[in-house]
Structures are given as C-alpha cells and as structure tokens.
Amino acid sequence: MTARFSRKTNRKLAIAGVAAVIAAFCAACGTELYEVPVETPIPAKLDVSAFQRVLVAGFVAGGTEDVDTNQETVRLLRSQLRTKSELRVIDADPIQLVDVAQEQNKAATADNSLPAEGPSVRTTSAADNTAATALPQKIKDEKDLEPYDRLFANTAYWKRIGEEYQNPLIVTGSVLFTPRTSSGLVTRETEVYDGLGRRRVVPTRIYMERKGFMLRPKFVFIDGRTGATISSLSRREEVLYNAQNETPALSSYFELMDRIVPDFLGTLSTQKIKGTRVLLK
C-alpha cells in the first residue's frame, strides 16, 4: 500500500516538475500564448447552385390552434435565409396547403366518379383509389398528416408554382405542434447538509407531472423548374416544464425551432463553426 502511494506521488511530482521546466523555458525565451479565432466551414447537404431564389411556400400545419404554425414557420425560415443564405428570398403570402390539398382531393374524387364514355368500361387503378382517399379536416396527430404527403408528389402543381415565381427552389412540407403531458420519476439535484454544516448536492429521484409541447416539422425541398422533390428533412423535438409552469405556446414553439433551424440552414447553405486555437510565439 505504501509502495503504491509512493509511486503515485513520485509520478505526480515528476509531471509537475516537467510542467515547471516548460513554463520556465517559455518565460526565459519570451514565449507568449495567443488565442486565434478560427472558422470551420461545413458544406451544405444539398447542391443549390442551380437556384438564385428560394420560395418558402407554406406548410401543412396541424396540432394546437394557439399558434398559426404555417405562418410562423414561413416567417421564421425566410428571416433566417435572408441573413444566412446566398439565395434571394421571395416575399409572398404563405400558401394555405391544407385548403389546396382538400381542393385537389375533391377534384380527384369527382374525376373518379365520372361515367366512362363509349362502350369501354372505366377501371379504377390503385392510384385513383389513393387520390380519392378522404383527407382529415382537422390535423391532430402524425397519422392525420400522412394522407397529405401526396400533395408534395404533385409535380404539376409545384411546377406551376415554380413558373409563377421564376423557377426558384421551393421549400414546403408539414409542421405538427401539439401539447404534451408526461408523468413519472425524474432526477433532480438536491442540496443536503451534514452534521458539520457542510453542503453537498445529491441526485434525488422524485415523481413529477410535466407538460409542454412537441414539434415535428418535415421540410420538403422541391425543384421549381420541374416540380420534383429533391430532398426532405424531418425532425422531432419536445420540451416539458413543471405542471405549474404556464409557458405560452408561442414561446415553446420558438424554443423548439431554435434547435431545428441550424439543421435546416445546413441543408441549403454552408455554415461556419467558430472556435479558437492557441498559438505559441
């Protein structure tokens, strides 16, 4: 036991001695330490060099009615793209995509119900059946969002939108923002004092009811020249507070979007990570 302690002590003394020698050498040579700021570029995930303009068109929005997530998401993304992207942001009213999808679905249903002309009998394909599937009027969860995905595959519609705005990159998708509740054991740090008055912080498991919000955006990137989908990005974030905490829904929405926006921007433009390097002189 004594021998092991001595070896550890000797090792620490040796390390301290080496550090002292290096410090003395730097001082004797007049060496100084400098912190130099550096920026590391991270290339964009998508090649958007073919586009000069970007249209954040609108989103299929659902969940709580306390926040207009279509309008807020369009406004936030446009603001971020103006300052952190080289693409020119197009100003236009957000498209109400829920209404657009409902109208397209009614048109598809009407086409399928038309009688066949001539002696031939019209056959209904699987695509026709899909097009005629009813869309939920009120989007409450992710299951309600699924039927709306076919809107983003309607190349004719998106090509028409692209032609209207001079063939930009189109950003669209869906946003689900819903209340969340949770209860169970959580770990919290608790201050305790011993008999001598010394303070310690110990982890404590307590039962707690919490409430908050879940945000699940899906960003769809569409080529305005062809109407075809280039790529998509999905994220899911949630935040929970003490049950007594009355955090406004809009504040929670922006708190969650703060976590998501960097990934969105990294898809379209080169981002820079700032840091420092220490140099000897």
Protein backbone atom coordinates (compact mmCIF):
# COMPACT_ATOMS: atom_id res chain seq x y z
CA MET A 1 0.00 0.00 0.00
CA THR A 2 2.80 2.41 0.96
CA ALA A 3 4.80 1.49 -2.15
CA ARG A 4 1.80 2.14 -4.43
CA PHE A 5 1.22 5.52 -2.76
CA SER A 6 4.87 6.43 -3.21
CA ARG A 7 4.80 5.58 -6.90
CA LYS A 8 1.73 7.77 -7.44
CA THR A 9 3.32 10.63 -5.52
CA ASN A 10 6.56 10.36 -7.47
CA ARG A 11 4.64 10.34 -10.77
CA LYS A 12 2.73 13.50 -9.83
CA LEU A 13 5.93 15.21 -8.73
CA ALA A 14 7.60 14.29 -12.00
CA ILE A 15 4.72 15.68 -14.07
CA ALA A 16 4.72 18.86 -12.01
CA GLY A 17 8.45 19.17 -12.47
CA VAL A 18 8.22 18.81 -16.25
CA ALA A 19 5.46 21.42 -16.38
CA ALA A 20 7.56 23.79 -14.30
CA VAL A 21 10.57 23.31 -16.59
CA ILE A 22 8.44 24.01 -19.71
CA ALA A 23 6.94 27.12 -18.12
CA ALA A 24 10.37 28.36 -17.10
CA PHE A 25 11.69 27.72 -20.61
CA CYS A 26 8.83 29.64 -22.21
CA ALA A 27 9.37 32.52 -19.80
CA ALA A 28 13.13 32.57 -20.48
CA CYS A 29 12.57 32.56 -24.24
CA GLY A 30 9.90 35.22 -24.06
CA THR A 31 7.25 32.82 -25.42
CA GLU A 32 3.69 34.11 -25.33
CA LEU A 33 0.37 32.35 -25.84
CA TYR A 34 -2.15 33.71 -28.32
CA GLU A 35 -5.74 32.68 -28.87
CA VAL A 36 -6.58 32.92 -32.56
CA PRO A 37 -10.24 32.80 -33.69
CA VAL A 38 -10.89 30.30 -36.47
CA GLU A 39 -13.93 29.39 -38.56
CA THR A 40 -14.51 25.89 -39.90
CA PRO A 41 -16.86 25.76 -42.92
CA ILE A 42 -19.38 22.90 -43.15
CA PRO A 43 -20.61 22.38 -46.74
CA ALA A 44 -24.35 22.39 -47.46
CA LYS A 45 -26.01 18.99 -47.72
CA LEU A 46 -27.79 19.98 -50.96
CA ASP A 47 -26.29 21.48 -54.09
CA VAL A 48 -28.47 24.54 -54.69
CA SER A 49 -26.07 26.27 -57.09
CA ALA A 50 -28.67 25.98 -59.88
CA PHE A 51 -31.00 28.34 -58.00
CA GLN A 52 -30.77 32.05 -57.32
CA ARG A 53 -34.09 32.39 -55.50
CA VAL A 54 -35.89 30.46 -52.79
CA LEU A 55 -39.62 30.40 -52.06
CA VAL A 56 -40.73 29.25 -48.61
CA ALA A 57 -44.19 28.48 -49.91
CA GLY A 58 -46.14 27.25 -46.91
CA PHE A 59 -46.76 24.17 -44.76
CA VAL A 60 -49.48 21.70 -43.96
CA ALA A 61 -49.97 22.71 -40.33
CA GLY A 62 -51.69 20.84 -37.52
CA GLY A 63 -51.92 20.43 -33.77
CA THR A 64 -52.76 23.21 -31.37
CA GLU A 65 -54.68 26.22 -32.64
CA ASP A 66 -52.87 28.54 -30.21
CA VAL A 67 -50.13 29.12 -32.81
CA ASP A 68 -50.50 29.59 -36.57
CA THR A 69 -47.57 27.30 -37.31
CA ASN A 70 -47.89 27.74 -41.07
CA GLN A 71 -47.44 31.50 -40.91
CA GLU A 72 -44.87 31.45 -38.09
CA THR A 73 -42.72 28.80 -39.78
CA VAL A 74 -42.75 30.62 -43.12
CA ARG A 75 -41.85 33.91 -41.42
CA LEU A 76 -39.05 32.39 -39.32
CA LEU A 77 -37.40 30.44 -42.16
CA ARG A 78 -37.50 33.42 -44.51
CA SER A 79 -35.87 35.60 -41.86
CA GLN A 80 -33.10 33.05 -41.29
CA LEU A 81 -32.47 32.54 -45.01
CA ARG A 82 -32.16 36.28 -45.61
CA THR A 83 -29.21 36.52 -43.22
CA LYS A 84 -27.60 33.09 -43.55
CA SER A 85 -28.06 32.08 -47.17
CA GLU A 86 -26.93 33.49 -50.51
CA LEU A 87 -30.31 32.70 -52.09
CA ARG A 88 -32.69 35.58 -52.67
CA VAL A 89 -35.82 35.09 -50.57
CA ILE A 90 -39.14 35.64 -52.35
CA ASP A 91 -41.78 37.57 -50.43
CA ALA A 92 -45.26 36.14 -50.96
CA ASP A 93 -48.29 35.25 -48.89
CA PRO A 94 -47.96 31.77 -47.30
CA ILE A 95 -49.94 29.17 -49.25
CA GLN A 96 -52.73 27.51 -47.26
CA LEU A 97 -51.70 23.99 -48.25
CA VAL A 98 -54.43 22.26 -46.25
CA ASP A 99 -57.02 24.02 -48.42
CA VAL A 100 -55.03 23.24 -51.59
CA ALA A 101 -54.85 19.54 -50.70
CA GLN A 102 -58.57 19.43 -49.92
CA GLU A 103 -59.42 21.01 -53.30
CA GLN A 104 -57.14 18.61 -55.16
CA ASN A 105 -58.72 15.68 -53.36
CA LYS A 106 -62.25 16.83 -54.26
CA ALA A 107 -61.21 17.21 -57.91
CA ALA A 108 -59.70 13.70 -57.94
CA THR A 109 -62.85 12.28 -56.36
CA ALA A 110 -65.04 14.00 -58.95
CA ASP A 111 -62.90 12.65 -61.82
CA ASN A 112 -63.16 9.11 -60.48
CA SER A 113 -66.94 9.36 -60.24
CA LEU A 114 -67.42 10.36 -63.91
CA PRO A 115 -69.03 7.65 -66.07
CA ALA A 116 -66.89 6.12 -68.77
CA GLU A 117 -67.51 7.39 -72.32
CA GLY A 118 -68.22 4.95 -75.14
CA PRO A 119 -68.57 1.20 -74.91
CA SER A 120 -65.46 0.70 -72.79
CA VAL A 121 -65.79 0.38 -69.02
CA ARG A 122 -63.63 2.58 -66.83
CA THR A 123 -61.40 0.66 -64.41
CA THR A 124 -60.20 2.20 -61.19
CA SER A 125 -56.48 1.93 -60.57
CA ALA A 126 -54.68 1.89 -57.24
CA ALA A 127 -53.52 5.45 -57.91
CA ASP A 128 -57.13 6.56 -58.37
CA ASN A 129 -58.10 4.99 -55.08
CA THR A 130 -55.23 6.75 -53.33
CA ALA A 131 -56.15 10.11 -54.85
CA ALA A 132 -59.75 9.74 -53.72
CA THR A 133 -58.89 8.94 -50.10
CA ALA A 134 -60.53 11.42 -47.76
CA LEU A 135 -58.28 13.93 -46.01
CA PRO A 136 -58.84 14.76 -42.32
CA GLN A 137 -60.31 18.23 -41.97
CA LYS A 138 -58.59 18.73 -38.62
CA ILE A 139 -54.99 17.54 -38.20
CA LYS A 140 -54.42 16.40 -34.64
CA ASP A 141 -51.52 13.95 -34.87
CA GLU A 142 -48.96 12.42 -37.22
CA LYS A 143 -51.46 9.87 -38.51
CA ASP A 144 -53.68 12.70 -39.77
CA LEU A 145 -50.71 14.19 -41.62
CA GLU A 146 -49.86 11.07 -43.63
CA PRO A 147 -52.60 11.44 -46.32
CA TYR A 148 -51.32 14.96 -47.06
CA ASP A 149 -47.93 13.67 -48.18
CA ARG A 150 -49.26 13.04 -51.68
CA LEU A 151 -49.59 16.80 -52.14
CA PHE A 152 -45.79 17.05 -52.30
CA ALA A 153 -45.70 14.43 -55.07
CA ASN A 154 -47.99 16.51 -57.30
CA THR A 155 -45.28 17.68 -59.71
CA ALA A 156 -47.75 19.52 -61.96
CA TYR A 157 -48.90 21.72 -59.09
CA TRP A 158 -45.40 22.58 -57.89
CA LYS A 159 -44.15 23.19 -61.42
CA ARG A 160 -47.00 25.67 -61.85
CA ILE A 161 -45.97 27.40 -58.61
CA GLY A 162 -42.36 27.44 -59.83
CA GLU A 163 -43.32 29.06 -63.12
CA GLU A 164 -45.24 31.75 -61.26
CA TYR A 165 -42.12 32.70 -59.26
CA GLN A 166 -39.44 32.27 -61.95
CA ASN A 167 -38.39 28.70 -61.14
CA PRO A 168 -36.98 29.03 -57.61
CA LEU A 169 -36.04 26.39 -55.09
CA ILE A 170 -39.31 25.70 -53.23
CA VAL A 171 -39.35 24.94 -49.51
CA THR A 172 -42.55 23.39 -48.20
CA GLY A 173 -43.62 20.48 -46.00
CA SER A 174 -45.63 19.94 -42.84
CA VAL A 175 -45.48 21.16 -39.25
CA LEU A 176 -47.18 19.46 -36.31
CA PHE A 177 -47.16 21.34 -32.99
CA THR A 178 -49.10 19.62 -30.23
CA PRO A 179 -49.37 19.77 -26.42
CA ARG A 180 -47.57 17.04 -24.46
CA THR A 181 -48.05 15.77 -20.92
CA SER A 182 -45.83 13.36 -19.03
CA SER A 183 -45.57 12.00 -15.52
CA GLY A 184 -43.03 9.78 -13.83
CA LEU A 185 -39.77 9.72 -11.91
CA VAL A 186 -37.22 12.39 -12.77
CA THR A 187 -33.77 13.09 -11.34
CA ARG A 188 -33.20 16.42 -9.63
CA GLU A 189 -30.25 17.78 -7.69
CA THR A 190 -30.96 18.44 -4.03
CA GLU A 191 -28.81 20.31 -1.51
CA VAL A 192 -28.13 18.48 1.77
CA TYR A 193 -26.02 19.42 4.78
CA ASP A 194 -24.23 17.06 7.14
CA GLY A 195 -23.80 17.43 10.90
CA LEU A 196 -20.90 19.85 10.43
CA GLY A 197 -22.88 22.11 8.13
CA ARG A 198 -21.05 21.04 5.00
CA ARG A 199 -23.10 21.34 1.82
CA ARG A 200 -23.45 18.58 -0.72
CA VAL A 201 -25.52 18.23 -3.87
CA VAL A 202 -27.00 14.76 -4.36
CA PRO A 203 -29.25 13.42 -7.15
CA THR A 204 -32.77 12.63 -5.97
CA ARG A 205 -35.49 10.71 -7.81
CA ILE A 206 -38.93 12.29 -7.43
CA TYR A 207 -42.31 11.78 -9.07
CA MET A 208 -43.36 14.76 -11.15
CA GLU A 209 -46.11 15.72 -13.57
CA ARG A 210 -44.91 17.81 -16.50
CA LYS A 211 -46.49 19.44 -19.52
CA GLY A 212 -45.16 21.06 -22.64
CA PHE A 213 -45.18 20.74 -26.41
CA MET A 214 -43.93 18.52 -29.23
CA LEU A 215 -42.81 19.96 -32.58
CA ARG A 216 -42.40 17.74 -35.64
CA PRO A 217 -41.55 19.60 -38.85
CA LYS A 218 -40.89 17.94 -42.18
CA PHE A 219 -39.14 20.16 -44.72
CA VAL A 220 -39.59 19.22 -48.38
CA PHE A 221 -37.27 20.78 -50.98
CA ILE A 222 -38.73 20.96 -54.50
CA ASP A 223 -37.17 21.95 -57.82
CA GLY A 224 -39.40 24.77 -59.11
CA ARG A 225 -38.33 24.05 -62.69
CA THR A 226 -39.72 20.50 -62.73
CA GLY A 227 -41.93 20.25 -59.65
CA ALA A 228 -39.97 17.20 -58.48
CA THR A 229 -38.89 16.67 -54.87
CA ILE A 230 -35.14 17.00 -54.40
CA SER A 231 -34.87 16.03 -50.75
CA SER A 232 -36.64 16.17 -47.39
CA LEU A 233 -35.64 16.68 -43.77
CA SER A 234 -37.64 15.55 -40.73
CA ARG A 235 -37.04 16.47 -37.09
CA ARG A 236 -38.86 15.88 -33.83
CA GLU A 237 -38.28 17.88 -30.66
CA GLU A 238 -40.19 18.31 -27.42
CA VAL A 239 -39.94 20.42 -24.30
CA LEU A 240 -41.52 19.71 -20.91
CA TYR A 241 -41.99 22.02 -17.93
CA ASN A 242 -43.28 21.69 -14.39
CA ALA A 243 -47.05 21.37 -14.36
CA GLN A 244 -47.29 24.76 -12.61
CA ASN A 245 -45.29 26.48 -15.35
CA GLU A 246 -47.56 28.50 -17.65
CA THR A 247 -45.21 28.91 -20.62
CA PRO A 248 -47.05 30.36 -23.66
CA ALA A 249 -47.36 28.06 -26.66
CA LEU A 250 -45.65 30.58 -28.97
CA SER A 251 -42.61 30.78 -26.67
CA SER A 252 -42.31 26.98 -26.66
CA TYR A 253 -42.62 26.92 -30.45
CA PHE A 254 -39.65 29.29 -30.88
CA GLU A 255 -37.66 27.44 -28.23
CA LEU A 256 -38.05 24.21 -30.19
CA MET A 257 -37.41 25.85 -33.55
CA ASP A 258 -34.10 27.18 -32.20
CA ARG A 259 -32.94 23.57 -32.02
CA ILE A 260 -34.17 22.72 -35.52
CA VAL A 261 -33.23 25.75 -37.62
CA PRO A 262 -29.45 25.00 -37.70
CA ASP A 263 -30.13 21.65 -39.41
CA PHE A 264 -32.45 23.35 -41.88
CA LEU A 265 -29.87 26.01 -42.75
CA GLY A 266 -27.13 23.40 -43.02
CA THR A 267 -29.12 21.69 -45.75
CA LEU A 268 -29.19 24.75 -48.01
CA SER A 269 -26.05 26.76 -47.26
CA THR A 270 -22.50 26.42 -45.98
CA GLN A 271 -22.37 27.05 -42.26
CA LYS A 272 -19.34 28.13 -40.22
CA ILE A 273 -18.44 26.86 -36.78
CA LYS A 274 -16.47 29.41 -34.77
CA GLY A 275 -13.73 28.40 -32.35
CA THR A 276 -10.24 29.31 -31.14
CA ARG A 277 -6.75 27.88 -31.46
CA VAL A 278 -3.87 28.55 -29.07
CA LEU A 279 -0.56 29.50 -30.71
CA LEU A 280 2.92 29.94 -29.21
CA LYS A 281 5.00 32.94 -30.21
